[in-house]
Amino acid sequence: NNGNFIRFIIFSSSFLLKTAETAAFSGDARIVGGKRAQLGMFPYQVAVFIYDKENKSYICGGSIIDENWILTAGHCTYDRVRAIVIAATVDLSGPTPNQQVIFVNDTSDLMTHPEYKREKVVNDIALIRLPTSIQTNEYAGVVTLRSNDKSSYIGKNVTASGFGKTSDSSQPSQHLMWTTLTVISNTVCARSYQPGLVDNTKLCTSAGNIFRPHSTCQGDSGGPLVLTETYEQIGLVSFGGDSCQRGTPVAFTRISAHKQFIEGTTGLTFD
């Protein structure tokens, strides 16, 4: 149905920062049809609390691509002014022994793709430069980017993770969730959206069906999509249909389409 509303997979939350080490939010955004992650299972995953000019906060996901850089979605950082990145945790209900909390107070460190266009969901990718390096260990680590691979990945099993909603009516999740999805063709995916939205800079996954939905949802935006076999990142969560539970395909920003932006912004080189 081309009339489907685009659902940006972002979640607005009334976020209360208690101390530098503890964060709580009145929402609970998770993966639909997923399982609870154990600490160390997805060491590259971070939660990003991001603030607009009115100090309203939103939750997104992101991935650690370097000790000083987080990869996320453009619609997460666009027109936002500061962020709090939380690494090395699967539980956002309070402080945990291994979690790392990094405050990003300089707006210039939120680097949305310069050609990002919200209406057409073009170049929905961004980088966050961290003022303090993440300390890598078994709970916080750098993901490998498949930045050169132009494969279609159709039929491949992929894994998505995030703190997003577990149903349309739920709050975002305080626990990191994950699910395995299957990549489908962009042609099939495009049938669910307005013409031109699903182009070759996107990847899509099936989302199960209304009886057994498996999908990302609000709050998962910007989070990593990795090959289940190798845990290499090939995409990041961009948008879905107007419901997380109807089996509408989910669209991801393709990493390989944005190699130039990632390398040019970070000064790093990726294979």
C-alpha atoms as a PDB file:
ATOM      1  CA  ASN A   1       0.000   0.000   0.000  1.00  0.00           C
ATOM      2  CA  ASN A   2       1.707   3.147  -1.215  1.00  0.00           C
ATOM      3  CA  GLY A   3      -0.357   5.172   1.213  1.00  0.00           C
ATOM      4  CA  ASN A   4       1.539   3.689   4.153  1.00  0.00           C
ATOM      5  CA  PHE A   5       2.813   6.356   6.505  1.00  0.00           C
ATOM      6  CA  ILE A   6       6.548   6.224   7.088  1.00  0.00           C
ATOM      7  CA  ARG A   7       7.344   5.354  10.646  1.00  0.00           C
ATOM      8  CA  PHE A   8      10.681   6.766  11.661  1.00  0.00           C
ATOM      9  CA  ILE A   9      11.969   4.329  14.198  1.00  0.00           C
ATOM     10  CA  ILE A  10      12.748   6.931  16.813  1.00  0.00           C
ATOM     11  CA  PHE A  11      11.142   7.264  20.229  1.00  0.00           C
ATOM     12  CA  SER A  12      10.468  10.423  22.189  1.00  0.00           C
ATOM     13  CA  SER A  13      10.931   9.971  25.895  1.00  0.00           C
ATOM     14  CA  SER A  14      10.875  12.129  28.986  1.00  0.00           C
ATOM     15  CA  PHE A  15      14.435  11.307  29.958  1.00  0.00           C
ATOM     16  CA  LEU A  16      15.672  12.082  33.432  1.00  0.00           C
ATOM     17  CA  LEU A  17      19.381  12.106  34.027  1.00  0.00           C
ATOM     18  CA  LYS A  18      19.946  11.158  37.646  1.00  0.00           C
ATOM     19  CA  THR A  19      23.728  11.212  37.794  1.00  0.00           C
ATOM     20  CA  ALA A  20      26.584  10.865  35.348  1.00  0.00           C
ATOM     21  CA  GLU A  21      26.284   7.130  35.776  1.00  0.00           C
ATOM     22  CA  THR A  22      22.562   6.519  35.853  1.00  0.00           C
ATOM     23  CA  ALA A  23      19.819   7.146  33.365  1.00  0.00           C
ATOM     24  CA  ALA A  24      16.107   6.398  33.466  1.00  0.00           C
ATOM     25  CA  PHE A  25      13.395   7.074  30.941  1.00  0.00           C
ATOM     26  CA  SER A  26       9.643   6.813  30.981  1.00  0.00           C
ATOM     27  CA  GLY A  27       9.483   4.770  27.875  1.00  0.00           C
ATOM     28  CA  ASP A  28      10.471   1.297  26.894  1.00  0.00           C
ATOM     29  CA  ALA A  29      11.323   0.970  23.153  1.00  0.00           C
ATOM     30  CA  ARG A  30      12.231  -2.487  21.849  1.00  0.00           C
ATOM     31  CA  ILE A  31      12.475  -4.935  18.995  1.00  0.00           C
ATOM     32  CA  VAL A  32       9.134  -6.617  18.145  1.00  0.00           C
ATOM     33  CA  GLY A  33       9.150 -10.427  18.420  1.00  0.00           C
ATOM     34  CA  GLY A  34      12.663 -10.428  19.856  1.00  0.00           C
ATOM     35  CA  LYS A  35      14.684 -11.965  22.676  1.00  0.00           C
ATOM     36  CA  ARG A  36      16.541 -10.364  25.557  1.00  0.00           C
ATOM     37  CA  ALA A  37      20.245  -9.839  24.909  1.00  0.00           C
ATOM     38  CA  GLN A  38      22.912 -10.877  27.390  1.00  0.00           C
ATOM     39  CA  LEU A  39      25.752  -8.523  28.298  1.00  0.00           C
ATOM     40  CA  GLY A  40      28.602  -8.881  25.802  1.00  0.00           C
ATOM     41  CA  MET A  41      26.375 -10.364  23.096  1.00  0.00           C
ATOM     42  CA  PHE A  42      26.322  -7.140  21.040  1.00  0.00           C
ATOM     43  CA  PRO A  43      29.289  -5.159  22.376  1.00  0.00           C
ATOM     44  CA  TYR A  44      29.073  -2.655  19.506  1.00  0.00           C
ATOM     45  CA  GLN A  45      25.505  -1.576  20.403  1.00  0.00           C
ATOM     46  CA  VAL A  46      24.930   1.730  22.195  1.00  0.00           C
ATOM     47  CA  ALA A  47      21.863   3.614  23.384  1.00  0.00           C
ATOM     48  CA  VAL A  48      21.779   7.260  22.331  1.00  0.00           C
ATOM     49  CA  PHE A  49      19.623   9.747  24.225  1.00  0.00           C
ATOM     50  CA  ILE A  50      19.423  12.788  22.027  1.00  0.00           C
ATOM     51  CA  TYR A  51      18.064  16.256  22.781  1.00  0.00           C
ATOM     52  CA  ASP A  52      16.455  18.989  20.709  1.00  0.00           C
ATOM     53  CA  LYS A  53      16.574  22.747  21.326  1.00  0.00           C
ATOM     54  CA  GLU A  54      13.600  22.526  23.725  1.00  0.00           C
ATOM     55  CA  ASN A  55      15.484  19.913  25.758  1.00  0.00           C
ATOM     56  CA  LYS A  56      13.028  17.207  24.729  1.00  0.00           C
ATOM     57  CA  SER A  57      14.793  13.860  24.484  1.00  0.00           C
ATOM     58  CA  TYR A  58      14.569  10.913  22.111  1.00  0.00           C
ATOM     59  CA  ILE A  59      16.124   7.465  22.183  1.00  0.00           C
ATOM     60  CA  CYS A  60      17.968   5.938  19.248  1.00  0.00           C
ATOM     61  CA  GLY A  61      20.404   3.111  18.738  1.00  0.00           C
ATOM     62  CA  GLY A  62      23.902   3.330  17.360  1.00  0.00           C
ATOM     63  CA  SER A  63      27.040   1.290  16.799  1.00  0.00           C
ATOM     64  CA  ILE A  64      30.638   1.754  17.867  1.00  0.00           C
ATOM     65  CA  ILE A  65      32.748   1.989  14.692  1.00  0.00           C
ATOM     66  CA  ASP A  66      35.802   3.369  16.515  1.00  0.00           C
ATOM     67  CA  GLU A  67      36.590   4.259  20.125  1.00  0.00           C
ATOM     68  CA  ASN A  68      35.694   7.875  19.279  1.00  0.00           C
ATOM     69  CA  TRP A  69      32.869   7.471  16.774  1.00  0.00           C
ATOM     70  CA  ILE A  70      29.247   6.273  16.867  1.00  0.00           C
ATOM     71  CA  LEU A  71      27.278   5.504  13.686  1.00  0.00           C
ATOM     72  CA  THR A  72      23.540   6.227  13.783  1.00  0.00           C
ATOM     73  CA  ALA A  73      20.637   7.515  11.661  1.00  0.00           C
ATOM     74  CA  GLY A  74      20.425  11.021  10.214  1.00  0.00           C
ATOM     75  CA  HIS A  75      16.889  11.487  11.505  1.00  0.00           C
ATOM     76  CA  CYS A  76      18.203  10.880  15.033  1.00  0.00           C
ATOM     77  CA  THR A  77      20.726  13.737  14.970  1.00  0.00           C
ATOM     78  CA  TYR A  78      19.055  16.170  12.551  1.00  0.00           C
ATOM     79  CA  ASP A  79      18.232  19.456  14.307  1.00  0.00           C
ATOM     80  CA  ARG A  80      19.353  18.031  17.673  1.00  0.00           C
ATOM     81  CA  VAL A  81      21.803  19.810  19.951  1.00  0.00           C
ATOM     82  CA  ARG A  82      23.355  17.288  22.341  1.00  0.00           C
ATOM     83  CA  ALA A  83      23.422  13.620  23.240  1.00  0.00           C
ATOM     84  CA  ILE A  84      24.232  11.063  25.915  1.00  0.00           C
ATOM     85  CA  VAL A  85      25.750   7.805  24.677  1.00  0.00           C
ATOM     86  CA  ILE A  86      25.554   4.706  26.865  1.00  0.00           C
ATOM     87  CA  ALA A  87      27.789   1.759  25.979  1.00  0.00           C
ATOM     88  CA  ALA A  88      28.480  -1.642  27.565  1.00  0.00           C
ATOM     89  CA  THR A  89      24.999  -2.246  28.918  1.00  0.00           C
ATOM     90  CA  VAL A  90      21.883  -4.244  28.103  1.00  0.00           C
ATOM     91  CA  ASP A  91      19.854  -2.634  30.901  1.00  0.00           C
ATOM     92  CA  LEU A  92      18.814   1.023  30.998  1.00  0.00           C
ATOM     93  CA  SER A  93      16.728   0.793  34.182  1.00  0.00           C
ATOM     94  CA  GLY A  94      19.588   2.089  36.305  1.00  0.00           C
ATOM     95  CA  PRO A  95      23.360   2.084  36.667  1.00  0.00           C
ATOM     96  CA  THR A  96      25.117  -1.174  35.838  1.00  0.00           C
ATOM     97  CA  PRO A  97      28.684  -2.115  36.800  1.00  0.00           C
ATOM     98  CA  ASN A  98      30.188  -2.067  33.298  1.00  0.00           C
ATOM     99  CA  GLN A  99      28.270   0.702  31.557  1.00  0.00           C
ATOM    100  CA  GLN A 100      30.045   3.703  30.089  1.00  0.00           C
ATOM    101  CA  VAL A 101      28.185   7.026  29.879  1.00  0.00           C
ATOM    102  CA  ILE A 102      29.537   9.727  27.572  1.00  0.00           C
ATOM    103  CA  PHE A 103      28.087  13.241  27.340  1.00  0.00           C
ATOM    104  CA  VAL A 104      28.213  14.892  23.917  1.00  0.00           C
ATOM    105  CA  ASN A 105      27.481  18.558  24.640  1.00  0.00           C
ATOM    106  CA  ASP A 106      28.991  20.157  21.533  1.00  0.00           C
ATOM    107  CA  THR A 107      26.382  20.306  18.750  1.00  0.00           C
ATOM    108  CA  SER A 108      29.132  20.195  16.111  1.00  0.00           C
ATOM    109  CA  ASP A 109      29.890  16.622  17.258  1.00  0.00           C
ATOM    110  CA  LEU A 110      26.473  15.512  15.954  1.00  0.00           C
ATOM    111  CA  MET A 111      27.283  15.112  12.261  1.00  0.00           C
ATOM    112  CA  THR A 112      24.217  14.452  10.136  1.00  0.00           C
ATOM    113  CA  HIS A 113      24.940  13.652   6.478  1.00  0.00           C
ATOM    114  CA  PRO A 114      25.087  17.052   4.722  1.00  0.00           C
ATOM    115  CA  GLU A 115      22.661  15.815   2.035  1.00  0.00           C
ATOM    116  CA  TYR A 116      20.156  14.272   4.452  1.00  0.00           C
ATOM    117  CA  LYS A 117      16.551  14.898   3.357  1.00  0.00           C
ATOM    118  CA  ARG A 118      13.886  13.989   5.869  1.00  0.00           C
ATOM    119  CA  GLU A 119      10.872  13.957   3.496  1.00  0.00           C
ATOM    120  CA  LYS A 120      12.434  11.489   1.061  1.00  0.00           C
ATOM    121  CA  VAL A 121      14.539   9.706   3.707  1.00  0.00           C
ATOM    122  CA  VAL A 122      17.663  10.300   1.635  1.00  0.00           C
ATOM    123  CA  ASN A 123      21.118   9.833   3.222  1.00  0.00           C
ATOM    124  CA  ASP A 124      19.619   8.829   6.566  1.00  0.00           C
ATOM    125  CA  ILE A 125      22.966   8.419   8.299  1.00  0.00           C
ATOM    126  CA  ALA A 126      24.981  10.347  10.867  1.00  0.00           C
ATOM    127  CA  LEU A 127      28.104  10.164  12.982  1.00  0.00           C
ATOM    128  CA  ILE A 128      28.596  11.207  16.591  1.00  0.00           C
ATOM    129  CA  ARG A 129      32.103  12.228  17.602  1.00  0.00           C
ATOM    130  CA  LEU A 130      32.791  11.333  21.217  1.00  0.00           C
ATOM    131  CA  PRO A 131      34.701  13.805  23.403  1.00  0.00           C
ATOM    132  CA  THR A 132      35.847  10.865  25.547  1.00  0.00           C
ATOM    133  CA  SER A 133      36.971   7.552  24.065  1.00  0.00           C
ATOM    134  CA  ILE A 134      35.022   4.385  24.750  1.00  0.00           C
ATOM    135  CA  GLN A 135      37.127   1.930  26.730  1.00  0.00           C
ATOM    136  CA  THR A 136      36.919  -1.252  24.676  1.00  0.00           C
ATOM    137  CA  ASN A 137      36.570  -4.573  26.493  1.00  0.00           C
ATOM    138  CA  GLU A 138      34.414  -7.682  26.278  1.00  0.00           C
ATOM    139  CA  TYR A 139      31.284  -5.541  26.815  1.00  0.00           C
ATOM    140  CA  ALA A 140      32.100  -2.581  24.539  1.00  0.00           C
ATOM    141  CA  GLY A 141      33.763  -3.165  21.186  1.00  0.00           C
ATOM    142  CA  VAL A 142      34.109  -1.928  17.622  1.00  0.00           C
ATOM    143  CA  VAL A 143      31.888  -3.448  14.938  1.00  0.00           C
ATOM    144  CA  THR A 144      33.317  -4.396  11.528  1.00  0.00           C
ATOM    145  CA  LEU A 145      31.694  -2.431   8.696  1.00  0.00           C
ATOM    146  CA  ARG A 146      30.996  -4.118   5.344  1.00  0.00           C
ATOM    147  CA  SER A 147      31.608  -0.783   3.638  1.00  0.00           C
ATOM    148  CA  ASN A 148      32.787  -2.124   0.267  1.00  0.00           C
ATOM    149  CA  ASP A 149      30.300  -4.915  -0.252  1.00  0.00           C
ATOM    150  CA  LYS A 150      27.677  -4.121  -2.886  1.00  0.00           C
ATOM    151  CA  SER A 151      25.939  -7.513  -2.486  1.00  0.00           C
ATOM    152  CA  SER A 152      22.152  -7.604  -2.538  1.00  0.00           C
ATOM    153  CA  TYR A 153      22.174  -9.875   0.560  1.00  0.00           C
ATOM    154  CA  ILE A 154      18.737 -11.160  -0.514  1.00  0.00           C
ATOM    155  CA  GLY A 155      17.814 -14.251   1.511  1.00  0.00           C
ATOM    156  CA  LYS A 156      20.604 -13.664   4.053  1.00  0.00           C
ATOM    157  CA  ASN A 157      19.885 -13.901   7.766  1.00  0.00           C
ATOM    158  CA  VAL A 158      20.616 -10.649   9.567  1.00  0.00           C
ATOM    159  CA  THR A 159      20.362  -9.598  13.202  1.00  0.00           C
ATOM    160  CA  ALA A 160      18.883  -6.343  14.486  1.00  0.00           C
ATOM    161  CA  SER A 161      19.185  -5.162  18.079  1.00  0.00           C
ATOM    162  CA  GLY A 162      17.854  -2.232  20.053  1.00  0.00           C
ATOM    163  CA  PHE A 163      16.032  -0.741  23.007  1.00  0.00           C
ATOM    164  CA  GLY A 164      12.933  -0.016  20.908  1.00  0.00           C
ATOM    165  CA  LYS A 165       9.276  -0.831  21.510  1.00  0.00           C
ATOM    166  CA  THR A 166       8.167  -4.474  21.542  1.00  0.00           C
ATOM    167  CA  SER A 167       4.699  -3.645  20.215  1.00  0.00           C
ATOM    168  CA  ASP A 168       2.822  -0.649  18.841  1.00  0.00           C
ATOM    169  CA  SER A 169       1.249   0.041  22.222  1.00  0.00           C
ATOM    170  CA  SER A 170       4.240  -0.597  24.498  1.00  0.00           C
ATOM    171  CA  GLN A 171       6.737   1.828  25.932  1.00  0.00           C
ATOM    172  CA  PRO A 172      10.378   1.482  24.808  1.00  0.00           C
ATOM    173  CA  SER A 173      12.321  -1.347  26.458  1.00  0.00           C
ATOM    174  CA  GLN A 174      14.755  -0.887  29.264  1.00  0.00           C
ATOM    175  CA  HIS A 175      16.429  -4.119  28.174  1.00  0.00           C
ATOM    176  CA  LEU A 176      18.353  -4.619  24.925  1.00  0.00           C
ATOM    177  CA  MET A 177      16.411  -6.897  22.584  1.00  0.00           C
ATOM    178  CA  TRP A 178      17.420  -8.668  19.374  1.00  0.00           C
ATOM    179  CA  THR A 179      15.829 -10.590  16.536  1.00  0.00           C
ATOM    180  CA  THR A 180      16.882 -12.413  13.366  1.00  0.00           C
ATOM    181  CA  LEU A 181      15.409 -11.117  10.116  1.00  0.00           C
ATOM    182  CA  THR A 182      15.739 -12.012   6.428  1.00  0.00           C
ATOM    183  CA  VAL A 183      16.813  -9.579   3.710  1.00  0.00           C
ATOM    184  CA  ILE A 184      14.256  -9.197   0.913  1.00  0.00           C
ATOM    185  CA  SER A 185      14.539  -7.500  -2.460  1.00  0.00           C
ATOM    186  CA  ASN A 186      14.079  -3.760  -2.669  1.00  0.00           C
ATOM    187  CA  THR A 187      11.465  -4.371  -5.378  1.00  0.00           C
ATOM    188  CA  VAL A 188       9.254  -6.295  -2.966  1.00  0.00           C
ATOM    189  CA  CYS A 189       9.958  -3.797  -0.186  1.00  0.00           C
ATOM    190  CA  ALA A 190       9.078  -0.795  -2.378  1.00  0.00           C
ATOM    191  CA  ARG A 191       5.487  -2.035  -2.788  1.00  0.00           C
ATOM    192  CA  SER A 192       4.822  -1.002   0.810  1.00  0.00           C
ATOM    193  CA  TYR A 193       6.036   2.584   0.413  1.00  0.00           C
ATOM    194  CA  GLN A 194       5.691   5.724  -1.654  1.00  0.00           C
ATOM    195  CA  PRO A 195       7.523   5.566  -5.006  1.00  0.00           C
ATOM    196  CA  GLY A 196      11.211   6.443  -4.801  1.00  0.00           C
ATOM    197  CA  LEU A 197      11.645   5.841  -1.072  1.00  0.00           C
ATOM    198  CA  VAL A 198      13.322   2.454  -1.401  1.00  0.00           C
ATOM    199  CA  ASP A 199      16.345   2.990  -3.638  1.00  0.00           C
ATOM    200  CA  ASN A 200      19.729   1.278  -3.957  1.00  0.00           C
ATOM    201  CA  THR A 201      21.071   3.105  -0.879  1.00  0.00           C
ATOM    202  CA  LYS A 202      18.634   1.054   1.250  1.00  0.00           C
ATOM    203  CA  LEU A 203      18.317  -2.561   2.369  1.00  0.00           C
ATOM    204  CA  CYS A 204      15.042  -4.146   3.462  1.00  0.00           C
ATOM    205  CA  THR A 205      14.050  -7.025   5.688  1.00  0.00           C
ATOM    206  CA  SER A 206      10.836  -8.958   5.987  1.00  0.00           C
ATOM    207  CA  ALA A 207       8.985  -8.333   9.236  1.00  0.00           C
ATOM    208  CA  GLY A 208       7.180 -11.672   9.596  1.00  0.00           C
ATOM    209  CA  ASN A 209       3.398 -11.329   9.461  1.00  0.00           C
ATOM    210  CA  ILE A 210       0.575 -10.048  11.664  1.00  0.00           C
ATOM    211  CA  PHE A 211       0.492 -13.375  13.529  1.00  0.00           C
ATOM    212  CA  ARG A 212       4.230 -13.586  14.168  1.00  0.00           C
ATOM    213  CA  PRO A 213       5.750 -10.150  13.630  1.00  0.00           C
ATOM    214  CA  HIS A 214       9.531  -9.726  13.839  1.00  0.00           C
ATOM    215  CA  SER A 215      10.546  -6.146  13.343  1.00  0.00           C
ATOM    216  CA  THR A 216      12.291  -3.064  14.580  1.00  0.00           C
ATOM    217  CA  CYS A 217      10.111  -0.384  16.167  1.00  0.00           C
ATOM    218  CA  GLN A 218      10.232   3.147  17.599  1.00  0.00           C
ATOM    219  CA  GLY A 219      13.428   3.599  19.601  1.00  0.00           C
ATOM    220  CA  ASP A 220      15.508   1.267  17.413  1.00  0.00           C
ATOM    221  CA  SER A 221      16.418   3.985  14.870  1.00  0.00           C
ATOM    222  CA  GLY A 222      20.089   4.166  13.962  1.00  0.00           C
ATOM    223  CA  GLY A 223      20.787   0.768  15.479  1.00  0.00           C
ATOM    224  CA  PRO A 224      22.957  -1.776  13.671  1.00  0.00           C
ATOM    225  CA  LEU A 225      21.890  -4.461  11.208  1.00  0.00           C
ATOM    226  CA  VAL A 226      24.571  -7.160  11.049  1.00  0.00           C
ATOM    227  CA  LEU A 227      25.075 -10.382   9.117  1.00  0.00           C
ATOM    228  CA  THR A 228      24.062 -13.125  11.554  1.00  0.00           C
ATOM    229  CA  GLU A 229      26.928 -15.330  10.412  1.00  0.00           C
ATOM    230  CA  THR A 230      29.782 -12.845  10.869  1.00  0.00           C
ATOM    231  CA  TYR A 231      28.375  -9.940  12.928  1.00  0.00           C
ATOM    232  CA  GLU A 232      29.589  -7.474  10.269  1.00  0.00           C
ATOM    233  CA  GLN A 233      27.405  -4.381   9.978  1.00  0.00           C
ATOM    234  CA  ILE A 234      25.683  -3.898   6.619  1.00  0.00           C
ATOM    235  CA  GLY A 235      22.931  -1.444   7.548  1.00  0.00           C
ATOM    236  CA  LEU A 236      21.345   0.761  10.175  1.00  0.00           C
ATOM    237  CA  VAL A 237      17.688   1.101  11.116  1.00  0.00           C
ATOM    238  CA  SER A 238      15.943   3.829   9.103  1.00  0.00           C
ATOM    239  CA  PHE A 239      12.162   3.500   8.730  1.00  0.00           C
ATOM    240  CA  GLY A 240       9.179   1.168   8.713  1.00  0.00           C
ATOM    241  CA  GLY A 241       5.432   1.243   8.100  1.00  0.00           C
ATOM    242  CA  ASP A 242       2.900   2.938  10.358  1.00  0.00           C
ATOM    243  CA  SER A 243       2.679  -0.200  12.520  1.00  0.00           C
ATOM    244  CA  CYS A 244       5.442  -2.395  13.910  1.00  0.00           C
ATOM    245  CA  GLN A 245       3.137  -5.426  14.029  1.00  0.00           C
ATOM    246  CA  ARG A 246       1.583  -5.708  10.568  1.00  0.00           C
ATOM    247  CA  GLY A 247       4.502  -7.404   8.877  1.00  0.00           C
ATOM    248  CA  THR A 248       5.435  -4.333   6.803  1.00  0.00           C
ATOM    249  CA  PRO A 249       9.064  -4.570   5.603  1.00  0.00           C
ATOM    250  CA  VAL A 250      11.626  -2.417   7.412  1.00  0.00           C
ATOM    251  CA  ALA A 251      14.115  -0.245   5.518  1.00  0.00           C
ATOM    252  CA  PHE A 252      17.743   0.182   6.552  1.00  0.00           C
ATOM    253  CA  THR A 253      20.377   2.631   5.348  1.00  0.00           C
ATOM    254  CA  ARG A 254      22.999   0.615   3.448  1.00  0.00           C
ATOM    255  CA  ILE A 255      26.519   1.070   4.859  1.00  0.00           C
ATOM    256  CA  SER A 256      28.306   0.525   1.551  1.00  0.00           C
ATOM    257  CA  ALA A 257      26.368   3.405  -0.052  1.00  0.00           C
ATOM    258  CA  HIS A 258      27.900   5.821   2.453  1.00  0.00           C
ATOM    259  CA  LYS A 259      31.522   4.735   2.677  1.00  0.00           C
ATOM    260  CA  GLN A 260      32.694   8.143   1.428  1.00  0.00           C
ATOM    261  CA  PHE A 261      30.705  10.030   4.093  1.00  0.00           C
ATOM    262  CA  ILE A 262      31.908   7.738   6.897  1.00  0.00           C
ATOM    263  CA  GLU A 263      35.576   7.847   5.889  1.00  0.00           C
ATOM    264  CA  GLY A 264      35.556  11.538   4.962  1.00  0.00           C
ATOM    265  CA  THR A 265      33.979  12.554   8.285  1.00  0.00           C
ATOM    266  CA  THR A 266      35.995  10.317  10.603  1.00  0.00           C
ATOM    267  CA  GLY A 267      39.319  10.309   8.748  1.00  0.00           C
ATOM    268  CA  LEU A 268      39.323   6.529   9.225  1.00  0.00           C
ATOM    269  CA  THR A 269      39.628   3.883   6.519  1.00  0.00           C
ATOM    270  CA  PHE A 270      37.289   0.904   6.332  1.00  0.00           C
ATOM    271  CA  ASP A 271      37.739  -2.181   4.162  1.00  0.00           C
END
